[in-house]
Amino acid sequence: MTAPAGCKLIVAYLAHGMAHEVANGLYEKLRLSAVHYGHGRSSGMMDTITGSEMAEVDILSVVVTEAQAEEAFAFIYEAGQIDRPGGGLVTQLSLGHAAITGLPLLEEPAT
């Protein structure tokens, strides 16, 4: 199975509590609806060495067309406050390079 041509996957690791607001903005301002976000924990190397607590983060992903990619990336960068210390990380890749997986379809039972 191949990914749709010309689509991009944008993934952002945001400060805890930011993803819902950013997802709403993506829909209201850019009309993007292929958005998913969740919650996770992050730990940097220094946190591991010093035994510090893990930081809670929001993880937001959105699928966009190539034409929407630059505007969506910039919106997430600004709205997610990526430019401040500890603000997070945002990445983008061609969806054709992402793995598409799924459960196999079960065969129909013989009647």
PDB file of N, CA and C in Angstrom:
ATOM      1  N   MET A   1       0.846  -1.169   0.000  1.00  0.00           N
ATOM      2  CA  MET A   1       0.000   0.000   0.000  1.00  0.00           C
ATOM      3  C   MET A   1       0.892   1.233   0.000  1.00  0.00           C
ATOM      4  N   THR A   2       0.569   2.210  -0.808  1.00  0.00           N
ATOM      5  CA  THR A   2       1.383   3.425  -0.869  1.00  0.00           C
ATOM      6  C   THR A   2       0.618   4.616  -0.320  1.00  0.00           C
ATOM      7  N   ALA A   3       1.367   5.592   0.163  1.00  0.00           N
ATOM      8  CA  ALA A   3       0.771   6.820   0.710  1.00  0.00           C
ATOM      9  C   ALA A   3       0.346   7.731  -0.427  1.00  0.00           C
ATOM     10  N   PRO A   4      -0.604   8.616  -0.178  1.00  0.00           N
ATOM     11  CA  PRO A   4      -1.021   9.568  -1.208  1.00  0.00           C
ATOM     12  C   PRO A   4       0.150  10.437  -1.657  1.00  0.00           C
ATOM     13  N   ALA A   5       0.281  10.631  -2.951  1.00  0.00           N
ATOM     14  CA  ALA A   5       1.380  11.437  -3.482  1.00  0.00           C
ATOM     15  C   ALA A   5       1.205  12.903  -3.071  1.00  0.00           C
ATOM     16  N   GLY A   6       2.321  13.542  -2.742  1.00  0.00           N
ATOM     17  CA  GLY A   6       2.310  14.962  -2.444  1.00  0.00           C
ATOM     18  C   GLY A   6       1.815  15.334  -1.062  1.00  0.00           C
ATOM     19  N   CYS A   7       1.593  14.378  -0.171  1.00  0.00           N
ATOM     20  CA  CYS A   7       1.141  14.693   1.181  1.00  0.00           C
ATOM     21  C   CYS A   7       2.329  14.738   2.136  1.00  0.00           C
ATOM     22  N   LYS A   8       2.169  15.521   3.194  1.00  0.00           N
ATOM     23  CA  LYS A   8       3.203  15.671   4.210  1.00  0.00           C
ATOM     24  C   LYS A   8       2.615  15.315   5.570  1.00  0.00           C
ATOM     25  N   LEU A   9       3.467  14.797   6.433  1.00  0.00           N
ATOM     26  CA  LEU A   9       3.113  14.528   7.820  1.00  0.00           C
ATOM     27  C   LEU A   9       3.918  15.483   8.684  1.00  0.00           C
ATOM     28  N   ILE A  10       3.222  16.293   9.477  1.00  0.00           N
ATOM     29  CA  ILE A  10       3.873  17.212  10.401  1.00  0.00           C
ATOM     30  C   ILE A  10       3.617  16.690  11.804  1.00  0.00           C
ATOM     31  N   VAL A  11       4.678  16.510  12.581  1.00  0.00           N
ATOM     32  CA  VAL A  11       4.573  16.040  13.959  1.00  0.00           C
ATOM     33  C   VAL A  11       5.239  17.069  14.857  1.00  0.00           C
ATOM     34  N   ALA A  12       4.514  17.477  15.913  1.00  0.00           N
ATOM     35  CA  ALA A  12       5.043  18.465  16.852  1.00  0.00           C
ATOM     36  C   ALA A  12       4.999  17.906  18.266  1.00  0.00           C
ATOM     37  N   TYR A  13       6.081  18.112  18.996  1.00  0.00           N
ATOM     38  CA  TYR A  13       6.168  17.776  20.415  1.00  0.00           C
ATOM     39  C   TYR A  13       6.086  19.110  21.148  1.00  0.00           C
ATOM     40  N   LEU A  14       4.966  19.332  21.822  1.00  0.00           N
ATOM     41  CA  LEU A  14       4.654  20.635  22.405  1.00  0.00           C
ATOM     42  C   LEU A  14       4.634  20.563  23.924  1.00  0.00           C
ATOM     43  N   ALA A  15       4.729  21.732  24.555  1.00  0.00           N
ATOM     44  CA  ALA A  15       4.591  21.803  25.999  1.00  0.00           C
ATOM     45  C   ALA A  15       3.215  21.264  26.389  1.00  0.00           C
ATOM     46  N   HIS A  16       3.159  20.620  27.537  1.00  0.00           N
ATOM     47  CA  HIS A  16       1.909  20.019  28.019  1.00  0.00           C
ATOM     48  C   HIS A  16       0.778  21.046  28.048  1.00  0.00           C
ATOM     49  N   GLY A  17      -0.361  20.683  27.468  1.00  0.00           N
ATOM     50  CA  GLY A  17      -1.528  21.558  27.455  1.00  0.00           C
ATOM     51  C   GLY A  17      -1.666  22.418  26.210  1.00  0.00           C
ATOM     52  N   MET A  18      -0.721  22.352  25.291  1.00  0.00           N
ATOM     53  CA  MET A  18      -0.739  23.213  24.097  1.00  0.00           C
ATOM     54  C   MET A  18      -1.476  22.590  22.900  1.00  0.00           C
ATOM     55  N   ALA A  19      -1.510  21.280  22.793  1.00  0.00           N
ATOM     56  CA  ALA A  19      -1.977  20.624  21.564  1.00  0.00           C
ATOM     57  C   ALA A  19      -3.433  20.924  21.237  1.00  0.00           C
ATOM     58  N   HIS A  20      -4.301  20.947  22.220  1.00  0.00           N
ATOM     59  CA  HIS A  20      -5.722  21.186  21.944  1.00  0.00           C
ATOM     60  C   HIS A  20      -5.923  22.554  21.298  1.00  0.00           C
ATOM     61  N   GLU A  21      -5.281  23.562  21.850  1.00  0.00           N
ATOM     62  CA  GLU A  21      -5.393  24.921  21.308  1.00  0.00           C
ATOM     63  C   GLU A  21      -4.825  24.995  19.887  1.00  0.00           C
ATOM     64  N   VAL A  22      -3.682  24.370  19.649  1.00  0.00           N
ATOM     65  CA  VAL A  22      -3.068  24.379  18.322  1.00  0.00           C
ATOM     66  C   VAL A  22      -3.952  23.620  17.325  1.00  0.00           C
ATOM     67  N   ALA A  23      -4.495  22.474  17.731  1.00  0.00           N
ATOM     68  CA  ALA A  23      -5.376  21.695  16.851  1.00  0.00           C
ATOM     69  C   ALA A  23      -6.620  22.504  16.485  1.00  0.00           C
ATOM     70  N   ASN A  24      -7.201  23.180  17.457  1.00  0.00           N
ATOM     71  CA  ASN A  24      -8.364  24.026  17.162  1.00  0.00           C
ATOM     72  C   ASN A  24      -8.003  25.129  16.176  1.00  0.00           C
ATOM     73  N   GLY A  25      -6.842  25.735  16.351  1.00  0.00           N
ATOM     74  CA  GLY A  25      -6.395  26.781  15.436  1.00  0.00           C
ATOM     75  C   GLY A  25      -6.172  26.260  14.025  1.00  0.00           C
ATOM     76  N   LEU A  26      -5.614  25.064  13.913  1.00  0.00           N
ATOM     77  CA  LEU A  26      -5.408  24.462  12.590  1.00  0.00           C
ATOM     78  C   LEU A  26      -6.739  24.292  11.863  1.00  0.00           C
ATOM     79  N   TYR A  27      -7.768  23.909  12.609  1.00  0.00           N
ATOM     80  CA  TYR A  27      -9.074  23.738  11.980  1.00  0.00           C
ATOM     81  C   TYR A  27      -9.740  25.082  11.686  1.00  0.00           C
ATOM     82  N   GLU A  28      -9.761  25.968  12.672  1.00  0.00           N
ATOM     83  CA  GLU A  28     -10.477  27.231  12.507  1.00  0.00           C
ATOM     84  C   GLU A  28      -9.813  28.175  11.502  1.00  0.00           C
ATOM     85  N   LYS A  29      -8.491  28.247  11.510  1.00  0.00           N
ATOM     86  CA  LYS A  29      -7.801  29.204  10.641  1.00  0.00           C
ATOM     87  C   LYS A  29      -7.406  28.617   9.290  1.00  0.00           C
ATOM     88  N   LEU A  30      -7.018  27.334   9.271  1.00  0.00           N
ATOM     89  CA  LEU A  30      -6.528  26.727   8.025  1.00  0.00           C
ATOM     90  C   LEU A  30      -7.462  25.655   7.465  1.00  0.00           C
ATOM     91  N   ARG A  31      -8.528  25.350   8.188  1.00  0.00           N
ATOM     92  CA  ARG A  31      -9.494  24.327   7.777  1.00  0.00           C
ATOM     93  C   ARG A  31      -8.860  22.954   7.606  1.00  0.00           C
ATOM     94  N   LEU A  32      -7.889  22.627   8.444  1.00  0.00           N
ATOM     95  CA  LEU A  32      -7.254  21.305   8.423  1.00  0.00           C
ATOM     96  C   LEU A  32      -7.937  20.424   9.459  1.00  0.00           C
ATOM     97  N   SER A  33      -8.387  19.256   9.027  1.00  0.00           N
ATOM     98  CA  SER A  33      -9.118  18.384   9.940  1.00  0.00           C
ATOM     99  C   SER A  33      -8.447  17.033  10.175  1.00  0.00           C
ATOM    100  N   ALA A  34      -7.369  16.734   9.459  1.00  0.00           N
ATOM    101  CA  ALA A  34      -6.662  15.463   9.645  1.00  0.00           C
ATOM    102  C   ALA A  34      -5.607  15.632  10.740  1.00  0.00           C
ATOM    103  N   VAL A  35      -6.094  15.978  11.951  1.00  0.00           N
ATOM    104  CA  VAL A  35      -5.222  16.289  13.082  1.00  0.00           C
ATOM    105  C   VAL A  35      -5.464  15.280  14.190  1.00  0.00           C
ATOM    106  N   HIS A  36      -4.392  14.845  14.821  1.00  0.00           N
ATOM    107  CA  HIS A  36      -4.482  13.953  15.980  1.00  0.00           C
ATOM    108  C   HIS A  36      -3.515  14.457  17.032  1.00  0.00           C
ATOM    109  N   TYR A  37      -3.923  14.412  18.286  1.00  0.00           N
ATOM    110  CA  TYR A  37      -2.989  14.762  19.347  1.00  0.00           C
ATOM    111  C   TYR A  37      -3.211  13.872  20.558  1.00  0.00           C
ATOM    112  N   GLY A  38      -2.147  13.738  21.324  1.00  0.00           N
ATOM    113  CA  GLY A  38      -2.186  12.915  22.524  1.00  0.00           C
ATOM    114  C   GLY A  38      -1.185  13.441  23.532  1.00  0.00           C
ATOM    115  N   HIS A  39      -0.916  12.634  24.508  1.00  0.00           N
ATOM    116  CA  HIS A  39      -0.091  13.045  25.636  1.00  0.00           C
ATOM    117  C   HIS A  39       1.001  12.004  25.838  1.00  0.00           C
ATOM    118  N   GLY A  40       2.177  12.460  26.234  1.00  0.00           N
ATOM    119  CA  GLY A  40       3.267  11.534  26.494  1.00  0.00           C
ATOM    120  C   GLY A  40       4.249  12.113  27.497  1.00  0.00           C
ATOM    121  N   ARG A  41       5.321  11.401  27.693  1.00  0.00           N
ATOM    122  CA  ARG A  41       6.387  11.866  28.583  1.00  0.00           C
ATOM    123  C   ARG A  41       7.690  11.861  27.824  1.00  0.00           C
ATOM    124  N   SER A  42       8.524  12.806  28.162  1.00  0.00           N
ATOM    125  CA  SER A  42       9.800  12.974  27.476  1.00  0.00           C
ATOM    126  C   SER A  42      10.906  13.088  28.497  1.00  0.00           C
ATOM    127  N   SER A  43      12.066  12.585  28.118  1.00  0.00           N
ATOM    128  CA  SER A  43      13.223  12.706  28.990  1.00  0.00           C
ATOM    129  C   SER A  43      14.450  12.925  28.128  1.00  0.00           C
ATOM    130  N   GLY A  44      15.187  13.985  28.416  1.00  0.00           N
ATOM    131  CA  GLY A  44      16.430  14.236  27.708  1.00  0.00           C
ATOM    132  C   GLY A  44      17.568  13.475  28.358  1.00  0.00           C
ATOM    133  N   MET A  45      18.718  13.472  27.706  1.00  0.00           N
ATOM    134  CA  MET A  45      19.858  12.738  28.231  1.00  0.00           C
ATOM    135  C   MET A  45      20.276  13.252  29.611  1.00  0.00           C
ATOM    136  N   MET A  46      20.285  14.567  29.797  1.00  0.00           N
ATOM    137  CA  MET A  46      20.687  15.120  31.089  1.00  0.00           C
ATOM    138  C   MET A  46      19.693  14.736  32.189  1.00  0.00           C
ATOM    139  N   ASP A  47      18.405  14.644  31.837  1.00  0.00           N
ATOM    140  CA  ASP A  47      17.417  14.214  32.819  1.00  0.00           C
ATOM    141  C   ASP A  47      17.703  12.784  33.274  1.00  0.00           C
ATOM    142  N   THR A  48      18.081  11.940  32.321  1.00  0.00           N
ATOM    143  CA  THR A  48      18.397  10.552  32.642  1.00  0.00           C
ATOM    144  C   THR A  48      19.627  10.475  33.538  1.00  0.00           C
ATOM    145  N   ILE A  49      20.649  11.246  33.220  1.00  0.00           N
ATOM    146  CA  ILE A  49      21.890  11.232  33.992  1.00  0.00           C
ATOM    147  C   ILE A  49      21.670  11.768  35.411  1.00  0.00           C
ATOM    148  N   THR A  50      20.915  12.848  35.527  1.00  0.00           N
ATOM    149  CA  THR A  50      20.721  13.485  36.838  1.00  0.00           C
ATOM    150  C   THR A  50      19.568  12.872  37.627  1.00  0.00           C
ATOM    151  N   GLY A  51      18.798  11.998  37.009  1.00  0.00           N
ATOM    152  CA  GLY A  51      17.683  11.374  37.705  1.00  0.00           C
ATOM    153  C   GLY A  51      16.477  12.283  37.844  1.00  0.00           C
ATOM    154  N   SER A  52      16.396  13.320  37.038  1.00  0.00           N
ATOM    155  CA  SER A  52      15.267  14.257  37.104  1.00  0.00           C
ATOM    156  C   SER A  52      13.986  13.586  36.615  1.00  0.00           C
ATOM    157  N   GLU A  53      12.873  14.202  36.967  1.00  0.00           N
ATOM    158  CA  GLU A  53      11.567  13.730  36.511  1.00  0.00           C
ATOM    159  C   GLU A  53      11.441  13.880  35.001  1.00  0.00           C
ATOM    160  N   MET A  54      10.608  13.049  34.418  1.00  0.00           N
ATOM    161  CA  MET A  54      10.321  13.190  32.996  1.00  0.00           C
ATOM    162  C   MET A  54       9.345  14.345  32.794  1.00  0.00           C
ATOM    163  N   ALA A  55       9.496  15.030  31.685  1.00  0.00           N
ATOM    164  CA  ALA A  55       8.606  16.140  31.348  1.00  0.00           C
ATOM    165  C   ALA A  55       7.388  15.609  30.602  1.00  0.00           C
ATOM    166  N   GLU A  56       6.225  16.160  30.902  1.00  0.00           N
ATOM    167  CA  GLU A  56       5.020  15.787  30.176  1.00  0.00           C
ATOM    168  C   GLU A  56       4.924  16.645  28.926  1.00  0.00           C
ATOM    169  N   VAL A  57       4.561  16.024  27.804  1.00  0.00           N
ATOM    170  CA  VAL A  57       4.471  16.723  26.522  1.00  0.00           C
ATOM    171  C   VAL A  57       3.183  16.340  25.811  1.00  0.00           C
ATOM    172  N   ASP A  58       2.758  17.194  24.898  1.00  0.00           N
ATOM    173  CA  ASP A  58       1.670  16.887  23.975  1.00  0.00           C
ATOM    174  C   ASP A  58       2.296  16.561  22.629  1.00  0.00           C
ATOM    175  N   ILE A  59       1.733  15.580  21.948  1.00  0.00           N
ATOM    176  CA  ILE A  59       2.218  15.174  20.632  1.00  0.00           C
ATOM    177  C   ILE A  59       1.085  15.400  19.648  1.00  0.00           C
ATOM    178  N   LEU A  60       1.333  16.257  18.659  1.00  0.00           N
ATOM    179  CA  LEU A  60       0.319  16.611  17.674  1.00  0.00           C
ATOM    180  C   LEU A  60       0.820  16.193  16.301  1.00  0.00           C
ATOM    181  N   SER A  61      -0.043  15.556  15.515  1.00  0.00           N
ATOM    182  CA  SER A  61       0.325  15.223  14.139  1.00  0.00           C
ATOM    183  C   SER A  61      -0.806  15.635  13.215  1.00  0.00           C
ATOM    184  N   VAL A  62      -0.424  16.075  12.029  1.00  0.00           N
ATOM    185  CA  VAL A  62      -1.395  16.526  11.030  1.00  0.00           C
ATOM    186  C   VAL A  62      -0.900  16.131   9.646  1.00  0.00           C
ATOM    187  N   VAL A  63      -1.818  15.667   8.818  1.00  0.00           N
ATOM    188  CA  VAL A  63      -1.520  15.329   7.423  1.00  0.00           C
ATOM    189  C   VAL A  63      -2.024  16.477   6.560  1.00  0.00           C
ATOM    190  N   VAL A  64      -1.153  16.975   5.700  1.00  0.00           N
ATOM    191  CA  VAL A  64      -1.486  18.104   4.839  1.00  0.00           C
ATOM    192  C   VAL A  64      -1.033  17.825   3.416  1.00  0.00           C
ATOM    193  N   THR A  65      -1.583  18.582   2.477  1.00  0.00           N
ATOM    194  CA  THR A  65      -1.088  18.502   1.109  1.00  0.00           C
ATOM    195  C   THR A  65       0.225  19.283   1.042  1.00  0.00           C
ATOM    196  N   GLU A  66       0.957  19.079  -0.023  1.00  0.00           N
ATOM    197  CA  GLU A  66       2.213  19.803  -0.198  1.00  0.00           C
ATOM    198  C   GLU A  66       1.989  21.313  -0.222  1.00  0.00           C
ATOM    199  N   ALA A  67       0.864  21.747  -0.802  1.00  0.00           N
ATOM    200  CA  ALA A  67       0.549  23.170  -0.892  1.00  0.00           C
ATOM    201  C   ALA A  67       0.241  23.778   0.479  1.00  0.00           C
ATOM    202  N   GLN A  68      -0.265  22.975   1.412  1.00  0.00           N
ATOM    203  CA  GLN A  68      -0.614  23.462   2.748  1.00  0.00           C
ATOM    204  C   GLN A  68       0.538  23.367   3.742  1.00  0.00           C
ATOM    205  N   ALA A  69       1.586  22.634   3.391  1.00  0.00           N
ATOM    206  CA  ALA A  69       2.629  22.265   4.347  1.00  0.00           C
ATOM    207  C   ALA A  69       3.344  23.454   4.974  1.00  0.00           C
ATOM    208  N   GLU A  70       3.771  24.414   4.177  1.00  0.00           N
ATOM    209  CA  GLU A  70       4.532  25.543   4.717  1.00  0.00           C
ATOM    210  C   GLU A  70       3.693  26.376   5.681  1.00  0.00           C
ATOM    211  N   GLU A  71       2.449  26.652   5.295  1.00  0.00           N
ATOM    212  CA  GLU A  71       1.570  27.459   6.147  1.00  0.00           C
ATOM    213  C   GLU A  71       1.229  26.723   7.451  1.00  0.00           C
ATOM    214  N   ALA A  72       0.955  25.425   7.353  1.00  0.00           N
ATOM    215  CA  ALA A  72       0.625  24.640   8.552  1.00  0.00           C
ATOM    216  C   ALA A  72       1.828  24.539   9.487  1.00  0.00           C
ATOM    217  N   PHE A  73       3.011  24.302   8.926  1.00  0.00           N
ATOM    218  CA  PHE A  73       4.231  24.207   9.729  1.00  0.00           C
ATOM    219  C   PHE A  73       4.475  25.521  10.470  1.00  0.00           C
ATOM    220  N   ALA A  74       4.350  26.645   9.756  1.00  0.00           N
ATOM    221  CA  ALA A  74       4.559  27.960  10.368  1.00  0.00           C
ATOM    222  C   ALA A  74       3.523  28.232  11.458  1.00  0.00           C
ATOM    223  N   PHE A  75       2.282  27.830  11.208  1.00  0.00           N
ATOM    224  CA  PHE A  75       1.234  28.035  12.208  1.00  0.00           C
ATOM    225  C   PHE A  75       1.545  27.253  13.479  1.00  0.00           C
ATOM    226  N   ILE A  76       1.914  25.987  13.337  1.00  0.00           N
ATOM    227  CA  ILE A  76       2.235  25.152  14.501  1.00  0.00           C
ATOM    228  C   ILE A  76       3.438  25.726  15.241  1.00  0.00           C
ATOM    229  N   TYR A  77       4.436  26.174  14.509  1.00  0.00           N
ATOM    230  CA  TYR A  77       5.638  26.757  15.113  1.00  0.00           C
ATOM    231  C   TYR A  77       5.281  27.966  15.979  1.00  0.00           C
ATOM    232  N   GLU A  78       4.442  28.847  15.430  1.00  0.00           N
ATOM    233  CA  GLU A  78       4.057  30.065  16.158  1.00  0.00           C
ATOM    234  C   GLU A  78       3.080  29.764  17.294  1.00  0.00           C
ATOM    235  N   ALA A  79       1.980  29.078  16.982  1.00  0.00           N
ATOM    236  CA  ALA A  79       0.938  28.818  17.981  1.00  0.00           C
ATOM    237  C   ALA A  79       1.434  27.896  19.090  1.00  0.00           C
ATOM    238  N   GLY A  80       2.331  26.971  18.742  1.00  0.00           N
ATOM    239  CA  GLY A  80       2.881  26.046  19.730  1.00  0.00           C
ATOM    240  C   GLY A  80       4.029  26.615  20.523  1.00  0.00           C
ATOM    241  N   GLN A  81       4.429  27.838  20.206  1.00  0.00           N
ATOM    242  CA  GLN A  81       5.522  28.538  20.883  1.00  0.00           C
ATOM    243  C   GLN A  81       6.820  27.712  20.882  1.00  0.00           C
ATOM    244  N   ILE A  82       7.118  27.150  19.721  1.00  0.00           N
ATOM    245  CA  ILE A  82       8.314  26.331  19.556  1.00  0.00           C
ATOM    246  C   ILE A  82       9.584  27.169  19.722  1.00  0.00           C
ATOM    247  N   ASP A  83       9.494  28.473  19.431  1.00  0.00           N
ATOM    248  CA  ASP A  83      10.686  29.328  19.422  1.00  0.00           C
ATOM    249  C   ASP A  83      11.195  29.721  20.809  1.00  0.00           C
ATOM    250  N   ARG A  84      10.516  29.325  21.855  1.00  0.00           N
ATOM    251  CA  ARG A  84      10.991  29.678  23.199  1.00  0.00           C
ATOM    252  C   ARG A  84      11.739  28.486  23.812  1.00  0.00           C
ATOM    253  N   PRO A  85      12.613  28.729  24.797  1.00  0.00           N
ATOM    254  CA  PRO A  85      13.314  27.611  25.445  1.00  0.00           C
ATOM    255  C   PRO A  85      12.313  26.612  26.033  1.00  0.00           C
ATOM    256  N   GLY A  86      12.518  25.346  25.747  1.00  0.00           N
ATOM    257  CA  GLY A  86      11.619  24.303  26.221  1.00  0.00           C
ATOM    258  C   GLY A  86      10.309  24.245  25.470  1.00  0.00           C
ATOM    259  N   GLY A  87      10.221  24.987  24.362  1.00  0.00           N
ATOM    260  CA  GLY A  87       8.974  25.079  23.603  1.00  0.00           C
ATOM    261  C   GLY A  87       8.607  23.831  22.845  1.00  0.00           C
ATOM    262  N   GLY A  88       9.558  22.998  22.536  1.00  0.00           N
ATOM    263  CA  GLY A  88       9.247  21.763  21.843  1.00  0.00           C
ATOM    264  C   GLY A  88      10.003  21.599  20.544  1.00  0.00           C
ATOM    265  N   LEU A  89       9.442  20.772  19.680  1.00  0.00           N
ATOM    266  CA  LEU A  89      10.085  20.398  18.434  1.00  0.00           C
ATOM    267  C   LEU A  89       8.992  20.125  17.406  1.00  0.00           C
ATOM    268  N   VAL A  90       9.211  20.546  16.176  1.00  0.00           N
ATOM    269  CA  VAL A  90       8.266  20.243  15.103  1.00  0.00           C
ATOM    270  C   VAL A  90       9.053  19.704  13.909  1.00  0.00           C
ATOM    271  N   THR A  91       8.545  18.628  13.313  1.00  0.00           N
ATOM    272  CA  THR A  91       9.207  17.995  12.172  1.00  0.00           C
ATOM    273  C   THR A  91       8.198  17.807  11.046  1.00  0.00           C
ATOM    274  N   GLN A  92       8.729  17.616   9.832  1.00  0.00           N
ATOM    275  CA  GLN A  92       7.882  17.397   8.668  1.00  0.00           C
ATOM    276  C   GLN A  92       8.558  16.393   7.757  1.00  0.00           C
ATOM    277  N   LEU A  93       7.785  15.479   7.190  1.00  0.00           N
ATOM    278  CA  LEU A  93       8.333  14.537   6.226  1.00  0.00           C
ATOM    279  C   LEU A  93       7.292  14.214   5.174  1.00  0.00           C
ATOM    280  N   SER A  94       7.771  13.777   4.031  1.00  0.00           N
ATOM    281  CA  SER A  94       6.858  13.339   2.973  1.00  0.00           C
ATOM    282  C   SER A  94       6.148  12.094   3.454  1.00  0.00           C
ATOM    283  N   LEU A  95       4.854  12.062   3.265  1.00  0.00           N
ATOM    284  CA  LEU A  95       4.080  10.930   3.754  1.00  0.00           C
ATOM    285  C   LEU A  95       4.483   9.644   3.050  1.00  0.00           C
ATOM    286  N   GLY A  96       5.009   9.764   1.850  1.00  0.00           N
ATOM    287  CA  GLY A  96       5.483   8.576   1.140  1.00  0.00           C
ATOM    288  C   GLY A  96       6.626   7.885   1.849  1.00  0.00           C
ATOM    289  N   HIS A  97       7.319   8.600   2.757  1.00  0.00           N
ATOM    290  CA  HIS A  97       8.413   8.007   3.516  1.00  0.00           C
ATOM    291  C   HIS A  97       7.962   7.424   4.851  1.00  0.00           C
ATOM    292  N   ALA A  98       6.709   7.648   5.204  1.00  0.00           N
ATOM    293  CA  ALA A  98       6.173   7.098   6.440  1.00  0.00           C
ATOM    294  C   ALA A  98       5.643   5.693   6.156  1.00  0.00           C
ATOM    295  N   ALA A  99       5.665   4.866   7.136  1.00  0.00           N
ATOM    296  CA  ALA A  99       5.178   3.500   6.980  1.00  0.00           C
ATOM    297  C   ALA A  99       3.663   3.458   7.109  1.00  0.00           C
ATOM    298  N   ILE A 100       3.029   2.733   6.239  1.00  0.00           N
ATOM    299  CA  ILE A 100       1.593   2.517   6.327  1.00  0.00           C
ATOM    300  C   ILE A 100       1.407   1.073   6.756  1.00  0.00           C
ATOM    301  N   THR A 101       0.769   0.914   7.891  1.00  0.00           N
ATOM    302  CA  THR A 101       0.557  -0.437   8.401  1.00  0.00           C
ATOM    303  C   THR A 101      -0.913  -0.623   8.730  1.00  0.00           C
ATOM    304  N   GLY A 102      -1.288  -1.848   8.910  1.00  0.00           N
ATOM    305  CA  GLY A 102      -2.676  -2.133   9.278  1.00  0.00           C
ATOM    306  C   GLY A 102      -2.820  -3.606   9.586  1.00  0.00           C
ATOM    307  N   LEU A 103      -3.931  -3.937  10.180  1.00  0.00           N
ATOM    308  CA  LEU A 103      -4.200  -5.329  10.472  1.00  0.00           C
ATOM    309  C   LEU A 103      -4.641  -6.043   9.207  1.00  0.00           C
ATOM    310  N   PRO A 104      -4.259  -7.298   9.059  1.00  0.00           N
ATOM    311  CA  PRO A 104      -4.696  -8.022   7.860  1.00  0.00           C
ATOM    312  C   PRO A 104      -6.201  -8.263   7.931  1.00  0.00           C
ATOM    313  N   LEU A 105      -6.810  -8.296   6.765  1.00  0.00           N
ATOM    314  CA  LEU A 105      -8.234  -8.579   6.703  1.00  0.00           C
ATOM    315  C   LEU A 105      -8.441 -10.064   6.927  1.00  0.00           C
ATOM    316  N   LEU A 106      -9.458 -10.400   7.698  1.00  0.00           N
ATOM    317  CA  LEU A 106      -9.767 -11.793   7.956  1.00  0.00           C
ATOM    318  C   LEU A 106     -10.536 -12.357   6.770  1.00  0.00           C
ATOM    319  N   GLU A 107     -10.295 -13.608   6.507  1.00  0.00           N
ATOM    320  CA  GLU A 107     -11.037 -14.257   5.429  1.00  0.00           C
ATOM    321  C   GLU A 107     -12.470 -14.487   5.891  1.00  0.00           C
ATOM    322  N   GLU A 108     -13.383 -14.442   4.955  1.00  0.00           N
ATOM    323  CA  GLU A 108     -14.776 -14.719   5.270  1.00  0.00           C
ATOM    324  C   GLU A 108     -14.886 -16.186   5.685  1.00  0.00           C
ATOM    325  N   PRO A 109     -15.669 -16.483   6.722  1.00  0.00           N
ATOM    326  CA  PRO A 109     -15.832 -17.881   7.116  1.00  0.00           C
ATOM    327  C   PRO A 109     -16.567 -18.666   6.030  1.00  0.00           C
ATOM    328  N   ALA A 110     -16.148 -19.885   5.856  1.00  0.00           N
ATOM    329  CA  ALA A 110     -16.794 -20.748   4.859  1.00  0.00           C
ATOM    330  C   ALA A 110     -18.180 -21.118   5.353  1.00  0.00           C
ATOM    331  N   THR A 111     -19.161 -21.056   4.462  1.00  0.00           N
ATOM    332  CA  THR A 111     -20.533 -21.415   4.841  1.00  0.00           C
ATOM    333  C   THR A 111     -20.981 -22.672   4.170  1.00  0.00           C
TER     334      THR A 111
END
